[in-house]
Amino acid sequence: MDAGVRFAYTGNVHDKAGGSTFCHQCCENLISRDRYKLGEWNLSSRENYIGTCNNCGTSCAGFFEAAPATGALNEGESFYASTRSGIAQY
């Protein structure tokens, strides 16, 4: 945290607590991970709020869809990202 890294997590290992992403404001589990499996997904799916904590509304830095991806995007599809200046569509 002192270095500004808020969402560091272990990856691709059996470590549910260390592999999950938590809200830096309210400590809600935003994305639950265990090895390659996603569990909880507590990011908002509401338009213009995608990538925000369902509990407190704090923006989580990163690129997010309204729900966990099930595969690659098809041509013409877009995704939304929560940015410092708001929500961006790509």
Protein backbone atom coordinates (compact mmCIF):
# COMPACT_ATOMS: atom_id res chain seq x y z
CA MET A 1 0.00 0.00 0.00
CA ASP A 2 2.82 2.42 0.75
CA ALA A 3 4.01 2.01 -2.85
CA GLY A 4 0.52 2.73 -4.19
CA VAL A 5 -0.34 -0.86 -5.14
CA ARG A 6 -3.90 -1.40 -3.94
CA PHE A 7 -4.98 -4.52 -5.82
CA ALA A 8 -2.02 -6.90 -5.72
CA TYR A 9 -2.92 -10.58 -5.48
CA THR A 10 -1.30 -13.96 -5.86
CA GLY A 11 -2.21 -15.64 -9.11
CA ASN A 12 -2.69 -19.15 -10.44
CA VAL A 13 -2.07 -20.77 -7.07
CA HIS A 14 -4.36 -22.30 -4.45
CA ASP A 15 -4.72 -19.21 -2.22
CA LYS A 16 -8.31 -17.92 -2.15
CA ALA A 17 -7.62 -15.09 0.30
CA GLY A 18 -4.42 -13.94 -1.41
CA GLY A 19 -5.84 -14.39 -4.90
CA SER A 20 -8.94 -12.29 -4.37
CA THR A 21 -9.42 -8.56 -4.89
CA PHE A 22 -10.88 -6.50 -2.05
CA CYS A 23 -12.29 -2.97 -2.09
CA HIS A 24 -9.71 -0.56 -0.68
CA GLN A 25 -12.51 1.54 0.86
CA CYS A 26 -14.81 -0.96 2.62
CA CYS A 27 -12.82 -4.25 2.35
CA GLU A 28 -15.66 -6.06 0.49
CA ASN A 29 -14.48 -9.05 -1.55
CA LEU A 30 -14.83 -7.76 -5.12
CA ILE A 31 -13.45 -10.68 -7.13
CA SER A 32 -12.93 -14.06 -5.52
CA ARG A 33 -10.25 -16.21 -7.19
CA ASP A 34 -8.81 -19.64 -6.49
CA ARG A 35 -6.23 -20.84 -8.98
CA TYR A 36 -7.92 -20.37 -12.37
CA LYS A 37 -11.49 -20.22 -11.05
CA LEU A 38 -13.51 -17.10 -10.39
CA GLY A 39 -15.97 -17.16 -7.51
CA GLU A 40 -17.72 -14.06 -6.21
CA TRP A 41 -18.08 -11.09 -8.55
CA ASN A 42 -19.13 -8.08 -6.50
CA LEU A 43 -18.51 -5.36 -9.05
CA SER A 44 -21.47 -3.34 -10.26
CA SER A 45 -23.03 -4.28 -13.59
CA ARG A 46 -25.07 -1.06 -13.81
CA GLU A 47 -24.28 1.07 -16.85
CA ASN A 48 -21.89 3.92 -15.97
CA TYR A 49 -20.95 2.13 -12.71
CA ILE A 50 -19.21 -0.98 -14.07
CA GLY A 51 -16.06 -1.66 -12.06
CA THR A 52 -17.35 -0.13 -8.84
CA CYS A 53 -17.87 -1.90 -5.52
CA ASN A 54 -21.44 -3.17 -5.08
CA ASN A 55 -21.21 -2.36 -1.38
CA CYS A 56 -19.90 1.21 -1.25
CA GLY A 57 -19.61 2.38 -4.88
CA THR A 58 -15.83 2.94 -4.82
CA SER A 59 -14.18 2.60 -8.22
CA CYS A 60 -11.73 -0.30 -8.62
CA ALA A 61 -8.91 0.45 -11.03
CA GLY A 62 -8.85 -1.93 -13.96
CA PHE A 63 -10.71 -3.09 -17.03
CA PHE A 64 -14.00 -4.84 -16.28
CA GLU A 65 -17.06 -6.18 -17.99
CA ALA A 66 -20.47 -6.19 -16.33
CA ALA A 67 -19.94 -9.86 -15.50
CA PRO A 68 -16.96 -12.22 -15.60
CA ALA A 69 -15.86 -13.01 -19.13
CA THR A 70 -16.82 -16.38 -20.52
CA GLY A 71 -14.59 -16.11 -23.56
CA ALA A 72 -13.09 -13.69 -26.05
CA LEU A 73 -15.01 -10.67 -27.29
CA ASN A 74 -16.71 -11.06 -30.63
CA GLU A 75 -16.18 -8.51 -33.36
CA GLY A 76 -18.17 -5.37 -32.60
CA GLU A 77 -18.49 -6.11 -28.86
CA SER A 78 -17.10 -3.68 -26.33
CA PHE A 79 -16.19 -3.67 -22.67
CA TYR A 80 -16.22 -0.98 -20.02
CA ALA A 81 -13.43 0.12 -17.72
CA SER A 82 -13.45 2.14 -14.56
CA THR A 83 -10.90 4.94 -14.87
CA ARG A 84 -9.88 7.92 -12.76
CA SER A 85 -12.07 10.16 -14.88
CA GLY A 86 -15.09 7.85 -14.96
CA ILE A 87 -16.22 4.89 -17.03
CA ALA A 88 -14.69 4.32 -20.47
CA GLN A 89 -16.07 2.09 -23.23
CA TYR A 90 -13.62 0.22 -25.45
